[in-house]
Amino acid sequence: FRSNEYKSYLSRAWLNSKDIMLGIEIHIPEMDFEGQKLAEILQYIILGISGLIGFIYGYLCESFQQTFYVVATGSFIASMVVIPPWPIYRKNPLPFHKPTVTPAPSGKQKSNKSSKKKN
């Protein structure tokens, strides 16, 4: 790719959630705002519970390593629950309008700069 083509491709890829790769149209679902709120709440609950359980279990075993394992497992579970756009996070989609294309102005516009000479 040339630099401008690459920038154009990136802007289209970020603006559109549809992309065509190898002739296959790919649609990446996105979370809505209510889904993001739910995901954040679930993340705090899962991490808080795993942190509390990890602390208690590590204290009883007298091992920080066990605390780390429990908290790391809780972090992995929270990531698997929160990061993918599961259907539970897409229940309230926003109604977007269809994009409108405005035609480019035809003809060349004259510049409004006056040709004044500096003294």
C-alpha atoms as a PDB file:
ATOM      1  CA  PHE A   1       0.000   0.000   0.000  1.00  0.00           C
ATOM      2  CA  ARG A   2       0.993   3.535  -0.496  1.00  0.00           C
ATOM      3  CA  SER A   3       0.822   5.793   2.521  1.00  0.00           C
ATOM      4  CA  ASN A   4      -2.376   7.588   1.472  1.00  0.00           C
ATOM      5  CA  GLU A   5      -4.068   4.352   0.447  1.00  0.00           C
ATOM      6  CA  TYR A   6      -3.198   2.814   3.807  1.00  0.00           C
ATOM      7  CA  LYS A   7      -4.561   5.814   5.717  1.00  0.00           C
ATOM      8  CA  SER A   8      -7.714   5.688   3.610  1.00  0.00           C
ATOM      9  CA  TYR A   9      -8.074   1.965   4.312  1.00  0.00           C
ATOM     10  CA  LEU A  10      -7.600   2.479   8.044  1.00  0.00           C
ATOM     11  CA  SER A  11     -10.168   5.270   8.204  1.00  0.00           C
ATOM     12  CA  ARG A  12     -12.696   3.121   6.324  1.00  0.00           C
ATOM     13  CA  ALA A  13     -11.960   0.141   8.560  1.00  0.00           C
ATOM     14  CA  TRP A  14     -12.470   2.189  11.712  1.00  0.00           C
ATOM     15  CA  LEU A  15     -15.551   4.035  10.477  1.00  0.00           C
ATOM     16  CA  ASN A  16     -17.299   0.981   9.053  1.00  0.00           C
ATOM     17  CA  SER A  17     -17.782  -2.193  11.012  1.00  0.00           C
ATOM     18  CA  LYS A  18     -18.012  -4.093   7.711  1.00  0.00           C
ATOM     19  CA  ASP A  19     -14.941  -5.009   5.752  1.00  0.00           C
ATOM     20  CA  ILE A  20     -14.220  -7.215   2.791  1.00  0.00           C
ATOM     21  CA  MET A  21     -11.270  -9.571   3.003  1.00  0.00           C
ATOM     22  CA  LEU A  22     -10.583 -12.211   0.348  1.00  0.00           C
ATOM     23  CA  GLY A  23     -14.050 -11.601  -1.075  1.00  0.00           C
ATOM     24  CA  ILE A  24     -15.749 -12.331   2.254  1.00  0.00           C
ATOM     25  CA  GLU A  25     -17.737  -9.600   3.964  1.00  0.00           C
ATOM     26  CA  ILE A  26     -16.954  -9.493   7.664  1.00  0.00           C
ATOM     27  CA  HIS A  27     -19.298  -7.829  10.152  1.00  0.00           C
ATOM     28  CA  ILE A  28     -17.943  -7.235  13.646  1.00  0.00           C
ATOM     29  CA  PRO A  29     -20.787  -6.682  16.127  1.00  0.00           C
ATOM     30  CA  GLU A  30     -20.354  -3.848  18.596  1.00  0.00           C
ATOM     31  CA  MET A  31     -21.607  -3.252  22.119  1.00  0.00           C
ATOM     32  CA  ASP A  32     -24.196  -0.589  22.770  1.00  0.00           C
ATOM     33  CA  PHE A  33     -23.988   1.864  25.672  1.00  0.00           C
ATOM     34  CA  GLU A  34     -26.158  -0.217  27.989  1.00  0.00           C
ATOM     35  CA  GLY A  35     -24.033  -3.262  27.167  1.00  0.00           C
ATOM     36  CA  GLN A  36     -20.877  -1.348  28.058  1.00  0.00           C
ATOM     37  CA  LYS A  37     -22.422  -0.399  31.397  1.00  0.00           C
ATOM     38  CA  LEU A  38     -23.374  -4.028  32.087  1.00  0.00           C
ATOM     39  CA  ALA A  39     -19.898  -5.245  31.070  1.00  0.00           C
ATOM     40  CA  GLU A  40     -18.263  -2.767  33.442  1.00  0.00           C
ATOM     41  CA  ILE A  41     -20.497  -3.843  36.331  1.00  0.00           C
ATOM     42  CA  LEU A  42     -19.803  -7.526  35.649  1.00  0.00           C
ATOM     43  CA  GLN A  43     -16.074  -6.837  35.477  1.00  0.00           C
ATOM     44  CA  TYR A  44     -16.083  -5.145  38.897  1.00  0.00           C
ATOM     45  CA  ILE A  45     -18.162  -7.936  40.437  1.00  0.00           C
ATOM     46  CA  ILE A  46     -16.025 -10.777  39.040  1.00  0.00           C
ATOM     47  CA  LEU A  47     -12.713  -9.111  39.927  1.00  0.00           C
ATOM     48  CA  GLY A  48     -13.949  -8.138  43.399  1.00  0.00           C
ATOM     49  CA  ILE A  49     -15.202 -11.618  44.224  1.00  0.00           C
ATOM     50  CA  SER A  50     -12.063 -13.317  42.877  1.00  0.00           C
ATOM     51  CA  GLY A  51      -9.884 -10.857  44.806  1.00  0.00           C
ATOM     52  CA  LEU A  52     -11.765 -11.530  48.036  1.00  0.00           C
ATOM     53  CA  ILE A  53     -11.711 -15.305  47.549  1.00  0.00           C
ATOM     54  CA  GLY A  54      -8.036 -15.178  46.561  1.00  0.00           C
ATOM     55  CA  PHE A  55      -7.136 -13.154  49.634  1.00  0.00           C
ATOM     56  CA  ILE A  56      -9.006 -15.494  51.996  1.00  0.00           C
ATOM     57  CA  TYR A  57      -7.663 -18.650  50.330  1.00  0.00           C
ATOM     58  CA  GLY A  58      -4.105 -17.303  50.264  1.00  0.00           C
ATOM     59  CA  TYR A  59      -4.362 -16.272  53.912  1.00  0.00           C
ATOM     60  CA  LEU A  60      -5.589 -19.702  54.961  1.00  0.00           C
ATOM     61  CA  CYS A  61      -2.871 -21.447  52.914  1.00  0.00           C
ATOM     62  CA  GLU A  62      -0.304 -18.843  53.972  1.00  0.00           C
ATOM     63  CA  SER A  63       0.783 -18.550  50.365  1.00  0.00           C
ATOM     64  CA  PHE A  64       0.762 -15.453  48.174  1.00  0.00           C
ATOM     65  CA  GLN A  65       1.188 -17.724  45.174  1.00  0.00           C
ATOM     66  CA  GLN A  66      -2.264 -19.231  45.758  1.00  0.00           C
ATOM     67  CA  THR A  67      -3.719 -15.727  46.040  1.00  0.00           C
ATOM     68  CA  PHE A  68      -2.139 -14.842  42.725  1.00  0.00           C
ATOM     69  CA  TYR A  69      -3.512 -17.977  41.025  1.00  0.00           C
ATOM     70  CA  VAL A  70      -7.064 -17.294  42.183  1.00  0.00           C
ATOM     71  CA  VAL A  71      -6.938 -13.610  41.184  1.00  0.00           C
ATOM     72  CA  ALA A  72      -5.339 -14.431  37.815  1.00  0.00           C
ATOM     73  CA  THR A  73      -8.065 -17.006  37.148  1.00  0.00           C
ATOM     74  CA  GLY A  74     -10.693 -14.416  38.059  1.00  0.00           C
ATOM     75  CA  SER A  75      -9.076 -11.914  35.700  1.00  0.00           C
ATOM     76  CA  PHE A  76      -9.120 -14.461  32.881  1.00  0.00           C
ATOM     77  CA  ILE A  77     -12.791 -15.261  33.532  1.00  0.00           C
ATOM     78  CA  ALA A  78     -13.651 -11.552  33.646  1.00  0.00           C
ATOM     79  CA  SER A  79     -11.846 -11.037  30.337  1.00  0.00           C
ATOM     80  CA  MET A  80     -13.755 -13.880  28.693  1.00  0.00           C
ATOM     81  CA  VAL A  81     -17.061 -12.513  29.985  1.00  0.00           C
ATOM     82  CA  VAL A  82     -16.462  -8.826  29.227  1.00  0.00           C
ATOM     83  CA  ILE A  83     -14.233  -8.445  26.151  1.00  0.00           C
ATOM     84  CA  PRO A  84     -16.142 -10.339  23.400  1.00  0.00           C
ATOM     85  CA  PRO A  85     -19.311  -8.599  22.171  1.00  0.00           C
ATOM     86  CA  TRP A  86     -21.739 -11.238  23.441  1.00  0.00           C
ATOM     87  CA  PRO A  87     -25.420 -10.858  22.408  1.00  0.00           C
ATOM     88  CA  ILE A  88     -26.324  -9.849  25.977  1.00  0.00           C
ATOM     89  CA  TYR A  89     -24.375  -6.605  25.384  1.00  0.00           C
ATOM     90  CA  ARG A  90     -26.217  -5.755  22.138  1.00  0.00           C
ATOM     91  CA  LYS A  91     -29.845  -5.575  23.245  1.00  0.00           C
ATOM     92  CA  ASN A  92     -30.281  -1.781  22.887  1.00  0.00           C
ATOM     93  CA  PRO A  93     -28.755  -0.708  19.551  1.00  0.00           C
ATOM     94  CA  LEU A  94     -28.778   2.958  18.606  1.00  0.00           C
ATOM     95  CA  PRO A  95     -30.763   3.884  15.492  1.00  0.00           C
ATOM     96  CA  PHE A  96     -28.291   5.452  13.077  1.00  0.00           C
ATOM     97  CA  HIS A  97     -29.244   7.338   9.939  1.00  0.00           C
ATOM     98  CA  LYS A  98     -27.999   6.202   6.573  1.00  0.00           C
ATOM     99  CA  PRO A  99     -24.907   8.172   5.493  1.00  0.00           C
ATOM    100  CA  THR A 100     -25.575  10.793   2.875  1.00  0.00           C
ATOM    101  CA  VAL A 101     -23.086  11.596   0.165  1.00  0.00           C
ATOM    102  CA  THR A 102     -22.771  15.263  -0.747  1.00  0.00           C
ATOM    103  CA  PRO A 103     -21.384  15.947  -4.197  1.00  0.00           C
ATOM    104  CA  ALA A 104     -18.127  17.837  -4.423  1.00  0.00           C
ATOM    105  CA  PRO A 105     -18.504  21.415  -5.696  1.00  0.00           C
ATOM    106  CA  SER A 106     -17.848  21.591  -9.399  1.00  0.00           C
ATOM    107  CA  GLY A 107     -15.456  24.147 -10.770  1.00  0.00           C
ATOM    108  CA  LYS A 108     -12.480  25.763  -9.172  1.00  0.00           C
ATOM    109  CA  GLN A 109     -12.995  28.216  -6.354  1.00  0.00           C
ATOM    110  CA  LYS A 110     -11.053  31.437  -6.493  1.00  0.00           C
ATOM    111  CA  SER A 111      -8.952  32.296  -3.517  1.00  0.00           C
ATOM    112  CA  ASN A 112     -10.045  35.314  -1.522  1.00  0.00           C
ATOM    113  CA  LYS A 113      -6.489  36.423  -0.856  1.00  0.00           C
ATOM    114  CA  SER A 114      -5.657  39.792  -2.278  1.00  0.00           C
ATOM    115  CA  SER A 115      -2.258  40.327  -3.751  1.00  0.00           C
ATOM    116  CA  LYS A 116      -0.986  43.122  -1.538  1.00  0.00           C
ATOM    117  CA  LYS A 117       2.668  43.990  -1.598  1.00  0.00           C
ATOM    118  CA  LYS A 118       4.495  44.356   1.659  1.00  0.00           C
ATOM    119  CA  ASN A 119       6.424  47.576   2.107  1.00  0.00           C
END
